[in-house]
Amino acid sequence: MALKERSRLLTEGVERAPHRAMLRAIGLTDEDLQRPIIGIANTWNEINTCNHHMRELAEHVKRGVRDAGGMPLEFNTVAANDAMGMGHIGMKASLVSRDLIADSIELMATAYQFDALVLIGG
């Protein structure tokens, strides 16, 4: 399987010029667009102690992806902390949030045709 099996649908051919324009608008170069695009799903948020450090961790992951020849693009997903939700109505969020997390990652992977994913969760 080619390393750009999926993302080439966004980066190759005349008909994909609008897609490339959108990617260039976020700062990607022609060289970046030749690399496999790796989605980095990050569960960072300020309120969850389990995920508070994920932003820094994601920077290390992105550096590793770049060093390995990929083009990392980070996106966020929800992260409800079970400990914060227990003992009140928030406890109903725990199991539902897991489906939402999985669905949101699948949606992003499909919409942006990532060649691979790195999932960072707490």
C-alpha atoms as a PDB file:
ATOM      1  CA  MET A   1       0.000   0.000   0.000  1.00  0.00           C
ATOM      2  CA  ALA A   2       1.285   3.448  -0.890  1.00  0.00           C
ATOM      3  CA  LEU A   3       2.037   5.816   1.983  1.00  0.00           C
ATOM      4  CA  LYS A   4      -0.362   8.422   0.544  1.00  0.00           C
ATOM      5  CA  GLU A   5      -3.119   5.967  -0.309  1.00  0.00           C
ATOM      6  CA  ARG A   6      -5.887   8.144   1.151  1.00  0.00           C
ATOM      7  CA  SER A   7      -4.635  11.741   1.268  1.00  0.00           C
ATOM      8  CA  ARG A   8      -3.792  11.759  -2.430  1.00  0.00           C
ATOM      9  CA  LEU A   9      -7.560  12.178  -2.892  1.00  0.00           C
ATOM     10  CA  LEU A  10      -7.059  15.691  -1.463  1.00  0.00           C
ATOM     11  CA  THR A  11      -3.650  16.578  -2.844  1.00  0.00           C
ATOM     12  CA  GLU A  12      -3.269  15.194  -6.371  1.00  0.00           C
ATOM     13  CA  GLY A  13      -4.764  16.207  -9.701  1.00  0.00           C
ATOM     14  CA  VAL A  14      -6.221  19.360 -11.233  1.00  0.00           C
ATOM     15  CA  GLU A  15      -9.657  18.593  -9.810  1.00  0.00           C
ATOM     16  CA  ARG A  16      -8.229  18.794  -6.278  1.00  0.00           C
ATOM     17  CA  ALA A  17      -6.913  22.361  -6.640  1.00  0.00           C
ATOM     18  CA  PRO A  18      -9.589  23.705  -4.231  1.00  0.00           C
ATOM     19  CA  HIS A  19      -8.548  21.118  -1.640  1.00  0.00           C
ATOM     20  CA  ARG A  20      -4.886  22.066  -2.000  1.00  0.00           C
ATOM     21  CA  ALA A  21      -5.823  25.741  -1.693  1.00  0.00           C
ATOM     22  CA  MET A  22      -7.530  25.040   1.640  1.00  0.00           C
ATOM     23  CA  LEU A  23      -4.469  23.138   2.865  1.00  0.00           C
ATOM     24  CA  ARG A  24      -2.164  25.932   1.735  1.00  0.00           C
ATOM     25  CA  ALA A  25      -4.390  28.405   3.590  1.00  0.00           C
ATOM     26  CA  ILE A  26      -3.422  26.683   6.858  1.00  0.00           C
ATOM     27  CA  GLY A  27       0.256  27.027   5.977  1.00  0.00           C
ATOM     28  CA  LEU A  28       1.119  23.777   4.202  1.00  0.00           C
ATOM     29  CA  THR A  29       3.676  23.885   1.390  1.00  0.00           C
ATOM     30  CA  ASP A  30       4.017  21.828  -1.793  1.00  0.00           C
ATOM     31  CA  GLU A  31       6.615  19.737   0.042  1.00  0.00           C
ATOM     32  CA  ASP A  32       4.192  19.157   2.940  1.00  0.00           C
ATOM     33  CA  LEU A  33       1.511  17.986   0.508  1.00  0.00           C
ATOM     34  CA  GLN A  34       3.832  15.309  -0.876  1.00  0.00           C
ATOM     35  CA  ARG A  35       4.093  13.666   2.549  1.00  0.00           C
ATOM     36  CA  PRO A  36       1.569  11.209   4.020  1.00  0.00           C
ATOM     37  CA  ILE A  37      -0.939  13.199   6.084  1.00  0.00           C
ATOM     38  CA  ILE A  38      -1.168  11.874   9.622  1.00  0.00           C
ATOM     39  CA  GLY A  39      -4.119  12.863  11.794  1.00  0.00           C
ATOM     40  CA  ILE A  40      -3.327  13.473  15.455  1.00  0.00           C
ATOM     41  CA  ALA A  41      -6.468  13.109  17.595  1.00  0.00           C
ATOM     42  CA  ASN A  42      -5.920  14.970  20.842  1.00  0.00           C
ATOM     43  CA  THR A  43      -8.166  14.897  23.915  1.00  0.00           C
ATOM     44  CA  TRP A  44      -6.544  17.955  25.528  1.00  0.00           C
ATOM     45  CA  ASN A  45      -8.721  20.269  27.586  1.00  0.00           C
ATOM     46  CA  GLU A  46      -8.210  22.566  30.560  1.00  0.00           C
ATOM     47  CA  ILE A  47     -10.696  21.007  32.984  1.00  0.00           C
ATOM     48  CA  ASN A  48      -9.686  17.351  32.855  1.00  0.00           C
ATOM     49  CA  THR A  49      -6.592  16.546  34.936  1.00  0.00           C
ATOM     50  CA  CYS A  50      -6.047  13.341  32.964  1.00  0.00           C
ATOM     51  CA  ASN A  51      -5.815  15.304  29.720  1.00  0.00           C
ATOM     52  CA  HIS A  52      -4.371  18.643  30.804  1.00  0.00           C
ATOM     53  CA  HIS A  53      -0.865  17.765  29.571  1.00  0.00           C
ATOM     54  CA  MET A  54      -1.949  16.396  26.185  1.00  0.00           C
ATOM     55  CA  ARG A  55      -1.180  19.592  24.265  1.00  0.00           C
ATOM     56  CA  GLU A  56       2.518  19.281  25.154  1.00  0.00           C
ATOM     57  CA  LEU A  57       2.491  15.548  24.393  1.00  0.00           C
ATOM     58  CA  ALA A  58       0.944  16.235  20.982  1.00  0.00           C
ATOM     59  CA  GLU A  59       3.854  18.535  20.101  1.00  0.00           C
ATOM     60  CA  HIS A  60       6.273  15.649  20.699  1.00  0.00           C
ATOM     61  CA  VAL A  61       4.096  13.332  18.595  1.00  0.00           C
ATOM     62  CA  LYS A  62       3.959  15.846  15.737  1.00  0.00           C
ATOM     63  CA  ARG A  63       7.737  16.255  15.834  1.00  0.00           C
ATOM     64  CA  GLY A  64       8.117  12.463  15.597  1.00  0.00           C
ATOM     65  CA  VAL A  65       5.701  12.267  12.670  1.00  0.00           C
ATOM     66  CA  ARG A  66       7.622  15.019  10.839  1.00  0.00           C
ATOM     67  CA  ASP A  67      10.945  13.310  11.565  1.00  0.00           C
ATOM     68  CA  ALA A  68       9.542  10.079  10.097  1.00  0.00           C
ATOM     69  CA  GLY A  69       8.496  11.858   6.879  1.00  0.00           C
ATOM     70  CA  GLY A  70       4.815  12.499   7.600  1.00  0.00           C
ATOM     71  CA  MET A  71       2.768  15.687   7.739  1.00  0.00           C
ATOM     72  CA  PRO A  72       0.931  15.815  11.104  1.00  0.00           C
ATOM     73  CA  LEU A  73      -2.398  17.621  11.402  1.00  0.00           C
ATOM     74  CA  GLU A  74      -3.852  17.807  14.896  1.00  0.00           C
ATOM     75  CA  PHE A  75      -7.533  17.887  15.778  1.00  0.00           C
ATOM     76  CA  ASN A  76      -9.404  17.769  19.055  1.00  0.00           C
ATOM     77  CA  THR A  77     -12.134  15.545  20.434  1.00  0.00           C
ATOM     78  CA  VAL A  78     -14.106  15.569  23.680  1.00  0.00           C
ATOM     79  CA  ALA A  79     -12.829  14.070  26.921  1.00  0.00           C
ATOM     80  CA  ALA A  80     -15.252  13.832  29.810  1.00  0.00           C
ATOM     81  CA  ASN A  81     -13.584  12.956  33.117  1.00  0.00           C
ATOM     82  CA  ASP A  82     -15.517  10.160  34.835  1.00  0.00           C
ATOM     83  CA  ALA A  83     -14.282  11.261  38.268  1.00  0.00           C
ATOM     84  CA  MET A  84     -15.726  14.750  37.783  1.00  0.00           C
ATOM     85  CA  GLY A  85     -19.044  13.423  36.530  1.00  0.00           C
ATOM     86  CA  MET A  86     -19.791  10.879  39.236  1.00  0.00           C
ATOM     87  CA  GLY A  87     -22.310  11.581  41.981  1.00  0.00           C
ATOM     88  CA  HIS A  88     -24.511  13.947  39.942  1.00  0.00           C
ATOM     89  CA  ILE A  89     -26.323  14.156  36.589  1.00  0.00           C
ATOM     90  CA  GLY A  90     -22.919  14.332  34.845  1.00  0.00           C
ATOM     91  CA  MET A  91     -22.483  10.595  35.344  1.00  0.00           C
ATOM     92  CA  LYS A  92     -24.784  10.097  32.356  1.00  0.00           C
ATOM     93  CA  ALA A  93     -22.041  11.535  30.133  1.00  0.00           C
ATOM     94  CA  SER A  94     -19.443   8.845  30.778  1.00  0.00           C
ATOM     95  CA  LEU A  95     -20.447   6.031  28.431  1.00  0.00           C
ATOM     96  CA  VAL A  96     -22.034   8.328  25.850  1.00  0.00           C
ATOM     97  CA  SER A  97     -18.806  10.328  25.586  1.00  0.00           C
ATOM     98  CA  ARG A  98     -16.915   7.216  24.490  1.00  0.00           C
ATOM     99  CA  ASP A  99     -19.182   6.742  21.488  1.00  0.00           C
ATOM    100  CA  LEU A 100     -18.927  10.441  20.696  1.00  0.00           C
ATOM    101  CA  ILE A 101     -15.130  10.296  20.829  1.00  0.00           C
ATOM    102  CA  ALA A 102     -14.976   7.276  18.503  1.00  0.00           C
ATOM    103  CA  ASP A 103     -17.522   8.781  16.119  1.00  0.00           C
ATOM    104  CA  SER A 104     -15.760  12.161  15.986  1.00  0.00           C
ATOM    105  CA  ILE A 105     -12.398  10.555  15.222  1.00  0.00           C
ATOM    106  CA  GLU A 106     -13.939   8.401  12.495  1.00  0.00           C
ATOM    107  CA  LEU A 107     -15.648  11.455  11.026  1.00  0.00           C
ATOM    108  CA  MET A 108     -12.397  13.436  10.889  1.00  0.00           C
ATOM    109  CA  ALA A 109     -10.452  10.492   9.434  1.00  0.00           C
ATOM    110  CA  THR A 110     -13.048  10.103   6.689  1.00  0.00           C
ATOM    111  CA  ALA A 111     -13.527  13.800   5.946  1.00  0.00           C
ATOM    112  CA  TYR A 112      -9.810  14.560   5.722  1.00  0.00           C
ATOM    113  CA  GLN A 113      -8.646  11.216   4.298  1.00  0.00           C
ATOM    114  CA  PHE A 114      -5.741  10.852   6.735  1.00  0.00           C
ATOM    115  CA  ASP A 115      -3.194   8.225   5.723  1.00  0.00           C
ATOM    116  CA  ALA A 116      -2.780   7.216   9.370  1.00  0.00           C
ATOM    117  CA  LEU A 117      -3.872   8.297  12.837  1.00  0.00           C
ATOM    118  CA  VAL A 118      -2.191   8.790  16.185  1.00  0.00           C
ATOM    119  CA  LEU A 119      -4.732   8.842  19.023  1.00  0.00           C
ATOM    120  CA  ILE A 120      -3.783  10.628  22.247  1.00  0.00           C
ATOM    121  CA  GLY A 121      -6.113   9.948  25.168  1.00  0.00           C
ATOM    122  CA  GLY A 122      -5.972  10.157  28.931  1.00  0.00           C
END
